[in-house]
Amino acid sequence: MAETVGIFDAKTHFSEIVERVQSTGQSITVTNRGRPAVEIVPCHAKSSRRMSRADAVREIALLRAELPPIGAGEIRDLIAEGRR
């Protein structure tokens, strides 16, 4: 379970929190009035979510294969909606 810290404590002890996130690799959720507001994550965790262009194109192709085909009328409607 991710650690949580209140926004006031996060402001007061920000450098300590950053060091803890860097050293442990664990994310820390900052709460505002008891509700999650933001998450502090180590940089390597964020960059590990990236994928190569080839993998992204492959994922898009798989998604397109799963979706139903779209007709010309629907395309016109979507274009018109985007112009509003």
N, C-alpha and C. Protein backbone atom coordinates (compact mmCIF):
# COMPACT_ATOMS: atom_id res chain seq x y z
N MET A 1 0.84 -1.18 0.00
CA MET A 1 0.00 0.00 0.00
C MET A 1 0.89 1.25 0.00
N ALA A 2 0.51 2.21 -0.82
CA ALA A 2 1.30 3.44 -0.94
C ALA A 2 1.16 4.28 0.33
N GLU A 3 2.23 4.95 0.64
CA GLU A 3 2.23 5.83 1.82
C GLU A 3 1.51 7.12 1.46
N THR A 4 0.81 7.70 2.42
CA THR A 4 0.14 8.97 2.20
C THR A 4 0.65 9.99 3.21
N VAL A 5 0.60 11.25 2.79
CA VAL A 5 1.03 12.34 3.67
C VAL A 5 0.12 13.53 3.37
N GLY A 6 -0.23 14.28 4.38
CA GLY A 6 -1.06 15.46 4.21
C GLY A 6 -0.31 16.57 3.50
N ILE A 7 -1.05 17.46 2.88
CA ILE A 7 -0.44 18.52 2.08
C ILE A 7 0.43 19.45 2.93
N PHE A 8 0.03 19.74 4.15
CA PHE A 8 0.83 20.61 5.02
C PHE A 8 2.16 19.94 5.35
N ASP A 9 2.11 18.65 5.73
CA ASP A 9 3.35 17.92 6.02
C ASP A 9 4.22 17.79 4.78
N ALA A 10 3.60 17.62 3.63
CA ALA A 10 4.37 17.50 2.39
C ALA A 10 5.12 18.80 2.12
N LYS A 11 4.45 19.92 2.35
CA LYS A 11 5.10 21.22 2.14
C LYS A 11 6.25 21.41 3.13
N THR A 12 6.00 21.05 4.38
CA THR A 12 6.99 21.25 5.43
C THR A 12 8.20 20.35 5.27
N HIS A 13 7.99 19.11 4.81
CA HIS A 13 9.06 18.11 4.75
C HIS A 13 9.32 17.64 3.32
N PHE A 14 9.15 18.55 2.35
CA PHE A 14 9.23 18.14 0.95
C PHE A 14 10.56 17.49 0.59
N SER A 15 11.66 18.08 0.98
CA SER A 15 12.96 17.50 0.61
C SER A 15 13.15 16.11 1.20
N GLU A 16 12.67 15.90 2.43
CA GLU A 16 12.77 14.57 3.04
C GLU A 16 11.91 13.56 2.27
N ILE A 17 10.74 13.99 1.85
CA ILE A 17 9.85 13.10 1.10
C ILE A 17 10.48 12.72 -0.24
N VAL A 18 11.08 13.71 -0.91
CA VAL A 18 11.73 13.44 -2.19
C VAL A 18 12.87 12.45 -2.00
N GLU A 19 13.68 12.62 -0.97
CA GLU A 19 14.78 11.69 -0.71
C GLU A 19 14.25 10.28 -0.43
N ARG A 20 13.16 10.19 0.32
CA ARG A 20 12.58 8.88 0.64
C ARG A 20 12.06 8.20 -0.63
N VAL A 21 11.40 8.95 -1.49
CA VAL A 21 10.89 8.38 -2.74
C VAL A 21 12.05 7.91 -3.61
N GLN A 22 13.12 8.70 -3.69
CA GLN A 22 14.28 8.32 -4.48
C GLN A 22 14.96 7.07 -3.93
N SER A 23 15.11 7.00 -2.61
CA SER A 23 15.85 5.88 -2.02
C SER A 23 15.05 4.58 -2.00
N THR A 24 13.75 4.67 -1.78
CA THR A 24 12.94 3.44 -1.69
C THR A 24 12.31 3.04 -3.01
N GLY A 25 12.12 4.00 -3.92
CA GLY A 25 11.45 3.70 -5.17
C GLY A 25 9.94 3.61 -5.03
N GLN A 26 9.43 3.85 -3.84
CA GLN A 26 7.99 3.80 -3.57
C GLN A 26 7.37 5.18 -3.77
N SER A 27 6.15 5.19 -4.28
CA SER A 27 5.47 6.47 -4.46
C SER A 27 4.81 6.91 -3.15
N ILE A 28 4.56 8.20 -3.04
CA ILE A 28 3.88 8.76 -1.88
C ILE A 28 2.72 9.61 -2.39
N THR A 29 1.53 9.37 -1.86
CA THR A 29 0.35 10.13 -2.24
C THR A 29 0.17 11.29 -1.28
N VAL A 30 0.00 12.49 -1.83
CA VAL A 30 -0.24 13.68 -1.03
C VAL A 30 -1.76 13.90 -1.00
N THR A 31 -2.29 14.05 0.20
CA THR A 31 -3.73 14.25 0.34
C THR A 31 -4.05 15.70 0.68
N ASN A 32 -5.21 16.12 0.25
CA ASN A 32 -5.72 17.45 0.57
C ASN A 32 -7.08 17.24 1.24
N ARG A 33 -7.12 17.53 2.54
CA ARG A 33 -8.32 17.31 3.35
C ARG A 33 -8.77 15.85 3.32
N GLY A 34 -7.79 14.97 3.36
CA GLY A 34 -8.07 13.54 3.44
C GLY A 34 -8.30 12.84 2.11
N ARG A 35 -8.35 13.60 1.02
CA ARG A 35 -8.56 12.99 -0.29
C ARG A 35 -7.28 13.06 -1.10
N PRO A 36 -6.95 12.00 -1.84
CA PRO A 36 -5.74 12.01 -2.66
C PRO A 36 -5.75 13.17 -3.63
N ALA A 37 -4.63 13.91 -3.70
CA ALA A 37 -4.52 15.06 -4.58
C ALA A 37 -3.48 14.81 -5.68
N VAL A 38 -2.27 14.42 -5.28
CA VAL A 38 -1.19 14.15 -6.23
C VAL A 38 -0.38 12.97 -5.73
N GLU A 39 0.43 12.45 -6.63
CA GLU A 39 1.31 11.35 -6.26
C GLU A 39 2.74 11.71 -6.65
N ILE A 40 3.65 11.51 -5.71
CA ILE A 40 5.07 11.74 -5.98
C ILE A 40 5.68 10.39 -6.29
N VAL A 41 6.22 10.25 -7.49
CA VAL A 41 6.78 8.97 -7.93
C VAL A 41 8.22 9.17 -8.35
N PRO A 42 9.05 8.13 -8.23
CA PRO A 42 10.43 8.26 -8.70
C PRO A 42 10.46 8.37 -10.22
N CYS A 43 11.43 9.08 -10.73
CA CYS A 43 11.52 9.30 -12.19
C CYS A 43 11.59 8.00 -12.97
N HIS A 44 12.34 7.03 -12.50
CA HIS A 44 12.48 5.78 -13.26
C HIS A 44 11.14 5.07 -13.40
N ALA A 45 10.24 5.20 -12.43
CA ALA A 45 8.93 4.56 -12.53
C ALA A 45 8.12 5.19 -13.66
N LYS A 46 8.21 6.48 -13.81
CA LYS A 46 7.46 7.17 -14.85
C LYS A 46 8.01 6.81 -16.22
N SER A 47 9.33 6.82 -16.38
CA SER A 47 9.92 6.55 -17.68
C SER A 47 9.78 5.09 -18.08
N SER A 48 9.59 4.18 -17.13
CA SER A 48 9.45 2.77 -17.48
C SER A 48 8.11 2.49 -18.16
N ARG A 49 7.17 3.44 -18.07
CA ARG A 49 5.87 3.26 -18.72
C ARG A 49 5.95 3.58 -20.21
N ARG A 50 7.04 4.17 -20.65
CA ARG A 50 7.17 4.52 -22.05
C ARG A 50 7.36 3.27 -22.89
N MET A 51 6.91 3.36 -24.13
CA MET A 51 7.12 2.25 -25.04
C MET A 51 7.70 2.79 -26.33
N SER A 52 8.27 1.92 -27.11
CA SER A 52 8.85 2.34 -28.37
C SER A 52 7.74 2.70 -29.36
N ARG A 53 8.11 3.42 -30.39
CA ARG A 53 7.11 3.77 -31.41
C ARG A 53 6.52 2.53 -32.05
N ALA A 54 7.37 1.54 -32.33
CA ALA A 54 6.88 0.31 -32.95
C ALA A 54 5.85 -0.38 -32.06
N ASP A 55 6.12 -0.42 -30.75
CA ASP A 55 5.17 -1.02 -29.82
C ASP A 55 3.86 -0.22 -29.77
N ALA A 56 3.97 1.11 -29.82
CA ALA A 56 2.78 1.95 -29.80
C ALA A 56 1.93 1.72 -31.05
N VAL A 57 2.58 1.64 -32.21
CA VAL A 57 1.85 1.39 -33.45
C VAL A 57 1.18 0.02 -33.40
N ARG A 58 1.87 -0.96 -32.86
CA ARG A 58 1.31 -2.30 -32.71
C ARG A 58 0.08 -2.29 -31.80
N GLU A 59 0.16 -1.55 -30.69
CA GLU A 59 -0.97 -1.43 -29.76
C GLU A 59 -2.16 -0.76 -30.43
N ILE A 60 -1.90 0.29 -31.22
CA ILE A 60 -2.98 0.98 -31.94
C ILE A 60 -3.63 0.04 -32.94
N ALA A 61 -2.83 -0.73 -33.66
CA ALA A 61 -3.38 -1.67 -34.64
C ALA A 61 -4.26 -2.71 -33.95
N LEU A 62 -3.83 -3.20 -32.80
CA LEU A 62 -4.64 -4.17 -32.06
C LEU A 62 -5.96 -3.55 -31.60
N LEU A 63 -5.90 -2.32 -31.15
CA LEU A 63 -7.10 -1.63 -30.71
C LEU A 63 -8.06 -1.41 -31.87
N ARG A 64 -7.53 -0.99 -33.02
CA ARG A 64 -8.38 -0.78 -34.20
C ARG A 64 -9.06 -2.07 -34.62
N ALA A 65 -8.38 -3.20 -34.50
CA ALA A 65 -8.96 -4.48 -34.88
C ALA A 65 -10.13 -4.85 -33.97
N GLU A 66 -10.11 -4.39 -32.72
CA GLU A 66 -11.16 -4.72 -31.76
C GLU A 66 -12.39 -3.84 -31.91
N LEU A 67 -12.21 -2.62 -32.45
CA LEU A 67 -13.31 -1.67 -32.54
C LEU A 67 -14.16 -1.92 -33.78
N PRO A 68 -15.46 -1.63 -33.70
CA PRO A 68 -16.31 -1.80 -34.88
C PRO A 68 -15.97 -0.74 -35.92
N PRO A 69 -16.22 -1.05 -37.19
CA PRO A 69 -15.92 -0.06 -38.22
C PRO A 69 -16.82 1.17 -38.08
N ILE A 70 -16.34 2.30 -38.55
CA ILE A 70 -17.09 3.54 -38.46
C ILE A 70 -17.47 3.97 -39.87
N GLY A 71 -18.70 4.40 -40.03
CA GLY A 71 -19.20 4.78 -41.34
C GLY A 71 -18.89 6.23 -41.68
N ALA A 72 -19.08 6.58 -42.96
CA ALA A 72 -18.79 7.93 -43.44
C ALA A 72 -19.68 8.95 -42.73
N GLY A 73 -20.93 8.60 -42.47
CA GLY A 73 -21.85 9.50 -41.78
C GLY A 73 -21.37 9.81 -40.37
N GLU A 74 -20.88 8.79 -39.69
CA GLU A 74 -20.35 9.00 -38.33
C GLU A 74 -19.11 9.88 -38.35
N ILE A 75 -18.29 9.71 -39.37
CA ILE A 75 -17.08 10.52 -39.48
C ILE A 75 -17.46 11.99 -39.66
N ARG A 76 -18.43 12.25 -40.54
CA ARG A 76 -18.89 13.63 -40.75
C ARG A 76 -19.44 14.22 -39.45
N ASP A 77 -20.23 13.42 -38.71
CA ASP A 77 -20.79 13.89 -37.45
C ASP A 77 -19.69 14.23 -36.44
N LEU A 78 -18.66 13.39 -36.37
CA LEU A 78 -17.56 13.62 -35.45
C LEU A 78 -16.77 14.88 -35.84
N ILE A 79 -16.57 15.08 -37.14
CA ILE A 79 -15.87 16.28 -37.60
C ILE A 79 -16.67 17.51 -37.24
N ALA A 80 -17.99 17.46 -37.49
CA ALA A 80 -18.85 18.60 -37.18
C ALA A 80 -18.85 18.88 -35.67
N GLU A 81 -18.85 17.83 -34.86
CA GLU A 81 -18.82 17.99 -33.41
C GLU A 81 -17.51 18.65 -32.97
N GLY A 82 -16.42 18.30 -33.61
CA GLY A 82 -15.13 18.88 -33.26
C GLY A 82 -15.02 20.34 -33.63
N ARG A 83 -15.83 20.79 -34.58
CA ARG A 83 -15.78 22.19 -35.02
C ARG A 83 -16.63 23.10 -34.13
N ARG A 84 -17.43 22.54 -33.26
CA ARG A 84 -18.30 23.36 -32.40
C ARG A 84 -17.52 24.08 -31.35
